[in-house]
Amino acid sequence: VLGISNRFGSVLGIALQGTIFTQLFA
């Protein structure tokens, strides 16, 4: 489960931060 938390954090980081970046950039 701890390993899955690492992977979920990675997925969320790319998805959410990438979207935040795109909105501010645009």
PDB file of all heavy atoms in Angstrom:
ATOM      1  N   VAL A   1       0.837  -1.205   0.000  1.00  0.00           N
ATOM      2  CA  VAL A   1       0.000   0.000   0.000  1.00  0.00           C
ATOM      3  C   VAL A   1       0.868   1.250   0.000  1.00  0.00           C
ATOM      4  O   VAL A   1       0.572   2.242  -0.698  1.00  0.00           O
ATOM      5  CB  VAL A   1      -0.966  -0.006   1.205  1.00  0.00           C
ATOM      6  CG1 VAL A   1      -1.677   1.343   1.330  1.00  0.00           C
ATOM      7  CG2 VAL A   1      -1.983  -1.118   1.063  1.00  0.00           C
ATOM      8  N   LEU A   2       1.962   1.232   0.762  1.00  0.00           N
ATOM      9  CA  LEU A   2       2.870   2.383   0.775  1.00  0.00           C
ATOM     10  C   LEU A   2       3.465   2.620  -0.613  1.00  0.00           C
ATOM     11  O   LEU A   2       3.610   3.761  -1.058  1.00  0.00           O
ATOM     12  CB  LEU A   2       3.989   2.153   1.797  1.00  0.00           C
ATOM     13  CG  LEU A   2       3.566   2.185   3.274  1.00  0.00           C
ATOM     14  CD1 LEU A   2       4.697   1.661   4.155  1.00  0.00           C
ATOM     15  CD2 LEU A   2       3.169   3.590   3.702  1.00  0.00           C
ATOM     16  N   GLY A   3       3.795   1.532  -1.310  1.00  0.00           N
ATOM     17  CA  GLY A   3       4.310   1.672  -2.672  1.00  0.00           C
ATOM     18  C   GLY A   3       3.272   2.241  -3.618  1.00  0.00           C
ATOM     19  O   GLY A   3       3.587   3.054  -4.500  1.00  0.00           O
ATOM     20  N   ILE A   4       2.015   1.831  -3.437  1.00  0.00           N
ATOM     21  CA  ILE A   4       0.938   2.366  -4.270  1.00  0.00           C
ATOM     22  C   ILE A   4       0.747   3.857  -4.007  1.00  0.00           C
ATOM     23  O   ILE A   4       0.456   4.631  -4.931  1.00  0.00           O
ATOM     24  CB  ILE A   4      -0.367   1.589  -4.007  1.00  0.00           C
ATOM     25  CG1 ILE A   4      -0.253   0.186  -4.608  1.00  0.00           C
ATOM     26  CG2 ILE A   4      -1.579   2.297  -4.595  1.00  0.00           C
ATOM     27  CD1 ILE A   4      -1.422  -0.708  -4.301  1.00  0.00           C
ATOM     28  N   SER A   5       0.903   4.281  -2.757  1.00  0.00           N
ATOM     29  CA  SER A   5       0.798   5.713  -2.433  1.00  0.00           C
ATOM     30  C   SER A   5       1.832   6.517  -3.209  1.00  0.00           C
ATOM     31  O   SER A   5       1.546   7.623  -3.683  1.00  0.00           O
ATOM     32  CB  SER A   5       0.986   5.927  -0.922  1.00  0.00           C
ATOM     33  OG  SER A   5      -0.067   5.332  -0.199  1.00  0.00           O
ATOM     34  N   ASN A   6       3.049   5.965  -3.348  1.00  0.00           N
ATOM     35  CA  ASN A   6       4.079   6.643  -4.151  1.00  0.00           C
ATOM     36  C   ASN A   6       3.598   6.842  -5.586  1.00  0.00           C
ATOM     37  O   ASN A   6       3.693   7.932  -6.156  1.00  0.00           O
ATOM     38  CB  ASN A   6       5.366   5.818  -4.174  1.00  0.00           C
ATOM     39  CG  ASN A   6       5.968   5.609  -2.801  1.00  0.00           C
ATOM     40  OD1 ASN A   6       5.541   6.214  -1.822  1.00  0.00           O
ATOM     41  ND2 ASN A   6       6.937   4.732  -2.723  1.00  0.00           N
ATOM     42  N   ARG A   7       3.076   5.771  -6.162  1.00  0.00           N
ATOM     43  CA  ARG A   7       2.640   5.821  -7.565  1.00  0.00           C
ATOM     44  C   ARG A   7       1.434   6.742  -7.733  1.00  0.00           C
ATOM     45  O   ARG A   7       1.343   7.483  -8.718  1.00  0.00           O
ATOM     46  CB  ARG A   7       2.297   4.407  -8.053  1.00  0.00           C
ATOM     47  CG  ARG A   7       3.513   3.513  -8.276  1.00  0.00           C
ATOM     48  CD  ARG A   7       3.102   2.080  -8.566  1.00  0.00           C
ATOM     49  NE  ARG A   7       4.251   1.251  -8.947  1.00  0.00           N
ATOM     50  CZ  ARG A   7       4.524   0.870 -10.187  1.00  0.00           C
ATOM     51  NH1 ARG A   7       3.738   1.250 -11.175  1.00  0.00           N
ATOM     52  NH2 ARG A   7       5.561   0.117 -10.447  1.00  0.00           N
ATOM     53  N   PHE A   8       0.511   6.686  -6.778  1.00  0.00           N
ATOM     54  CA  PHE A   8      -0.666   7.557  -6.873  1.00  0.00           C
ATOM     55  C   PHE A   8      -0.253   9.022  -6.770  1.00  0.00           C
ATOM     56  O   PHE A   8      -0.796   9.889  -7.473  1.00  0.00           O
ATOM     57  CB  PHE A   8      -1.672   7.212  -5.775  1.00  0.00           C
ATOM     58  CG  PHE A   8      -2.924   8.054  -5.826  1.00  0.00           C
ATOM     59  CD1 PHE A   8      -3.804   7.957  -6.892  1.00  0.00           C
ATOM     60  CD2 PHE A   8      -3.201   8.967  -4.827  1.00  0.00           C
ATOM     61  CE1 PHE A   8      -4.953   8.741  -6.965  1.00  0.00           C
ATOM     62  CE2 PHE A   8      -4.348   9.756  -4.874  1.00  0.00           C
ATOM     63  CZ  PHE A   8      -5.224   9.638  -5.939  1.00  0.00           C
ATOM     64  N   GLY A   9       0.719   9.328  -5.898  1.00  0.00           N
ATOM     65  CA  GLY A   9       1.233  10.697  -5.816  1.00  0.00           C
ATOM     66  C   GLY A   9       1.832  11.147  -7.130  1.00  0.00           C
ATOM     67  O   GLY A   9       1.655  12.295  -7.549  1.00  0.00           O
ATOM     68  N   SER A  10       2.540  10.231  -7.815  1.00  0.00           N
ATOM     69  CA  SER A  10       3.133  10.556  -9.118  1.00  0.00           C
ATOM     70  C   SER A  10       2.047  10.864 -10.150  1.00  0.00           C
ATOM     71  O   SER A  10       2.135  11.843 -10.893  1.00  0.00           O
ATOM     72  CB  SER A  10       3.996   9.384  -9.600  1.00  0.00           C
ATOM     73  OG  SER A  10       5.022   9.106  -8.687  1.00  0.00           O
ATOM     74  N   VAL A  11       1.017  10.011 -10.197  1.00  0.00           N
ATOM     75  CA  VAL A  11      -0.085  10.221 -11.139  1.00  0.00           C
ATOM     76  C   VAL A  11      -0.776  11.550 -10.868  1.00  0.00           C
ATOM     77  O   VAL A  11      -1.038  12.349 -11.787  1.00  0.00           O
ATOM     78  CB  VAL A  11      -1.111   9.066 -11.031  1.00  0.00           C
ATOM     79  CG1 VAL A  11      -2.367   9.392 -11.825  1.00  0.00           C
ATOM     80  CG2 VAL A  11      -0.498   7.767 -11.537  1.00  0.00           C
ATOM     81  N   LEU A  12      -1.081  11.804  -9.592  1.00  0.00           N
ATOM     82  CA  LEU A  12      -1.778  13.034  -9.221  1.00  0.00           C
ATOM     83  C   LEU A  12      -0.922  14.268  -9.503  1.00  0.00           C
ATOM     84  O   LEU A  12      -1.427  15.309  -9.950  1.00  0.00           O
ATOM     85  CB  LEU A  12      -2.150  12.982  -7.732  1.00  0.00           C
ATOM     86  CG  LEU A  12      -3.198  13.981  -7.242  1.00  0.00           C
ATOM     87  CD1 LEU A  12      -4.519  13.774  -7.972  1.00  0.00           C
ATOM     88  CD2 LEU A  12      -3.394  13.840  -5.735  1.00  0.00           C
ATOM     89  N   GLY A  13       0.387  14.155  -9.259  1.00  0.00           N
ATOM     90  CA  GLY A  13       1.285  15.282  -9.513  1.00  0.00           C
ATOM     91  C   GLY A  13       1.300  15.682 -10.973  1.00  0.00           C
ATOM     92  O   GLY A  13       1.197  16.870 -11.314  1.00  0.00           O
ATOM     93  N   ILE A  14       1.425  14.696 -11.865  1.00  0.00           N
ATOM     94  CA  ILE A  14       1.434  14.981 -13.302  1.00  0.00           C
ATOM     95  C   ILE A  14       0.077  15.516 -13.754  1.00  0.00           C
ATOM     96  O   ILE A  14      -0.018  16.503 -14.492  1.00  0.00           O
ATOM     97  CB  ILE A  14       1.805  13.726 -14.099  1.00  0.00           C
ATOM     98  CG1 ILE A  14       3.231  13.261 -13.772  1.00  0.00           C
ATOM     99  CG2 ILE A  14       1.663  13.981 -15.596  1.00  0.00           C
ATOM    100  CD1 ILE A  14       4.315  14.198 -14.213  1.00  0.00           C
ATOM    101  N   ALA A  15      -1.004  14.857 -13.308  1.00  0.00           N
ATOM    102  CA  ALA A  15      -2.348  15.231 -13.777  1.00  0.00           C
ATOM    103  C   ALA A  15      -2.748  16.614 -13.267  1.00  0.00           C
ATOM    104  O   ALA A  15      -3.122  17.497 -14.054  1.00  0.00           O
ATOM    105  CB  ALA A  15      -3.367  14.183 -13.324  1.00  0.00           C
ATOM    106  N   LEU A  16      -2.680  16.826 -11.964  1.00  0.00           N
ATOM    107  CA  LEU A  16      -3.167  18.080 -11.381  1.00  0.00           C
ATOM    108  C   LEU A  16      -2.233  19.247 -11.679  1.00  0.00           C
ATOM    109  O   LEU A  16      -2.682  20.314 -12.129  1.00  0.00           O
ATOM    110  CB  LEU A  16      -3.338  17.909  -9.871  1.00  0.00           C
ATOM    111  CG  LEU A  16      -3.917  19.115  -9.121  1.00  0.00           C
ATOM    112  CD1 LEU A  16      -5.276  19.495  -9.686  1.00  0.00           C
ATOM    113  CD2 LEU A  16      -4.020  18.814  -7.629  1.00  0.00           C
ATOM    114  N   GLN A  17      -0.939  19.043 -11.463  1.00  0.00           N
ATOM    115  CA  GLN A  17       0.006  20.140 -11.699  1.00  0.00           C
ATOM    116  C   GLN A  17       0.113  20.486 -13.183  1.00  0.00           C
ATOM    117  O   GLN A  17       0.257  21.652 -13.549  1.00  0.00           O
ATOM    118  CB  GLN A  17       1.388  19.766 -11.141  1.00  0.00           C
ATOM    119  CG  GLN A  17       1.460  19.668  -9.618  1.00  0.00           C
ATOM    120  CD  GLN A  17       1.563  21.029  -8.963  1.00  0.00           C
ATOM    121  OE1 GLN A  17       0.642  21.853  -9.049  1.00  0.00           O
ATOM    122  NE2 GLN A  17       2.675  21.283  -8.301  1.00  0.00           N
ATOM    123  N   GLY A  18       0.021  19.467 -14.031  1.00  0.00           N
ATOM    124  CA  GLY A  18       0.029  19.746 -15.472  1.00  0.00           C
ATOM    125  C   GLY A  18      -1.173  20.564 -15.900  1.00  0.00           C
ATOM    126  O   GLY A  18      -1.063  21.477 -16.736  1.00  0.00           O
ATOM    127  N   THR A  19      -2.328  20.258 -15.309  1.00  0.00           N
ATOM    128  CA  THR A  19      -3.543  21.012 -15.626  1.00  0.00           C
ATOM    129  C   THR A  19      -3.468  22.435 -15.084  1.00  0.00           C
ATOM    130  O   THR A  19      -3.855  23.397 -15.766  1.00  0.00           O
ATOM    131  CB  THR A  19      -4.777  20.290 -15.049  1.00  0.00           C
ATOM    132  OG1 THR A  19      -4.875  19.000 -15.663  1.00  0.00           O
ATOM    133  CG2 THR A  19      -6.052  21.067 -15.338  1.00  0.00           C
ATOM    134  N   ILE A  20      -2.989  22.587 -13.860  1.00  0.00           N
ATOM    135  CA  ILE A  20      -2.804  23.932 -13.281  1.00  0.00           C
ATOM    136  C   ILE A  20      -1.868  24.754 -14.153  1.00  0.00           C
ATOM    137  O   ILE A  20      -2.135  25.919 -14.479  1.00  0.00           O
ATOM    138  CB  ILE A  20      -2.252  23.826 -11.850  1.00  0.00           C
ATOM    139  CG1 ILE A  20      -3.325  23.275 -10.910  1.00  0.00           C
ATOM    140  CG2 ILE A  20      -1.760  25.187 -11.351  1.00  0.00           C
ATOM    141  CD1 ILE A  20      -2.816  22.952  -9.519  1.00  0.00           C
ATOM    142  N   PHE A  21      -0.766  24.132 -14.563  1.00  0.00           N
ATOM    143  CA  PHE A  21       0.195  24.829 -15.420  1.00  0.00           C
ATOM    144  C   PHE A  21      -0.461  25.270 -16.727  1.00  0.00           C
ATOM    145  O   PHE A  21      -0.292  26.418 -17.167  1.00  0.00           O
ATOM    146  CB  PHE A  21       1.385  23.921 -15.719  1.00  0.00           C
ATOM    147  CG  PHE A  21       2.273  24.435 -16.811  1.00  0.00           C
ATOM    148  CD1 PHE A  21       3.240  25.392 -16.539  1.00  0.00           C
ATOM    149  CD2 PHE A  21       2.122  23.996 -18.113  1.00  0.00           C
ATOM    150  CE1 PHE A  21       4.046  25.896 -17.556  1.00  0.00           C
ATOM    151  CE2 PHE A  21       2.917  24.489 -19.132  1.00  0.00           C
ATOM    152  CZ  PHE A  21       3.882  25.443 -18.847  1.00  0.00           C
ATOM    153  N   THR A  22      -1.207  24.373 -17.367  1.00  0.00           N
ATOM    154  CA  THR A  22      -1.848  24.683 -18.648  1.00  0.00           C
ATOM    155  C   THR A  22      -2.807  25.860 -18.516  1.00  0.00           C
ATOM    156  O   THR A  22      -2.831  26.758 -19.370  1.00  0.00           O
ATOM    157  CB  THR A  22      -2.598  23.450 -19.180  1.00  0.00           C
ATOM    158  OG1 THR A  22      -1.661  22.383 -19.370  1.00  0.00           O
ATOM    159  CG2 THR A  22      -3.275  23.750 -20.508  1.00  0.00           C
ATOM    160  N   GLN A  23      -3.602  25.876 -17.459  1.00  0.00           N
ATOM    161  CA  GLN A  23      -4.566  26.961 -17.256  1.00  0.00           C
ATOM    162  C   GLN A  23      -3.866  28.301 -17.079  1.00  0.00           C
ATOM    163  O   GLN A  23      -4.273  29.309 -17.671  1.00  0.00           O
ATOM    164  CB  GLN A  23      -5.445  26.641 -16.042  1.00  0.00           C
ATOM    165  CG  GLN A  23      -6.407  25.492 -16.256  1.00  0.00           C
ATOM    166  CD  GLN A  23      -7.251  25.198 -15.032  1.00  0.00           C
ATOM    167  OE1 GLN A  23      -6.983  25.698 -13.947  1.00  0.00           O
ATOM    168  NE2 GLN A  23      -8.281  24.380 -15.196  1.00  0.00           N
ATOM    169  N   LEU A  24      -2.806  28.322 -16.253  1.00  0.00           N
ATOM    170  CA  LEU A  24      -2.088  29.583 -16.017  1.00  0.00           C
ATOM    171  C   LEU A  24      -1.336  30.031 -17.260  1.00  0.00           C
ATOM    172  O   LEU A  24      -1.298  31.223 -17.579  1.00  0.00           O
ATOM    173  CB  LEU A  24      -1.114  29.412 -14.839  1.00  0.00           C
ATOM    174  CG  LEU A  24      -1.650  29.744 -13.443  1.00  0.00           C
ATOM    175  CD1 LEU A  24      -1.947  31.242 -13.341  1.00  0.00           C
ATOM    176  CD2 LEU A  24      -2.868  28.939 -13.081  1.00  0.00           C
ATOM    177  N   PHE A  25      -0.730  29.084 -17.963  1.00  0.00           N
ATOM    178  CA  PHE A  25      -0.017  29.399 -19.200  1.00  0.00           C
ATOM    179  C   PHE A  25      -0.975  30.030 -20.210  1.00  0.00           C
ATOM    180  O   PHE A  25      -0.677  31.081 -20.809  1.00  0.00           O
ATOM    181  CB  PHE A  25       0.593  28.118 -19.768  1.00  0.00           C
ATOM    182  CG  PHE A  25       1.292  28.286 -21.087  1.00  0.00           C
ATOM    183  CD1 PHE A  25       2.657  28.525 -21.143  1.00  0.00           C
ATOM    184  CD2 PHE A  25       0.595  28.212 -22.288  1.00  0.00           C
ATOM    185  CE1 PHE A  25       3.307  28.687 -22.366  1.00  0.00           C
ATOM    186  CE2 PHE A  25       1.226  28.373 -23.510  1.00  0.00           C
ATOM    187  CZ  PHE A  25       2.597  28.605 -23.539  1.00  0.00           C
ATOM    188  N   ALA A  26      -2.133  29.410 -20.400  1.00  0.00           N
ATOM    189  CA  ALA A  26      -3.097  29.897 -21.402  1.00  0.00           C
ATOM    190  C   ALA A  26      -3.635  31.269 -21.040  1.00  0.00           C
ATOM    191  O   ALA A  26      -3.742  32.163 -21.901  1.00  0.00           O
ATOM    192  CB  ALA A  26      -4.244  28.898 -21.539  1.00  0.00           C
TER     193      ALA A  26
END
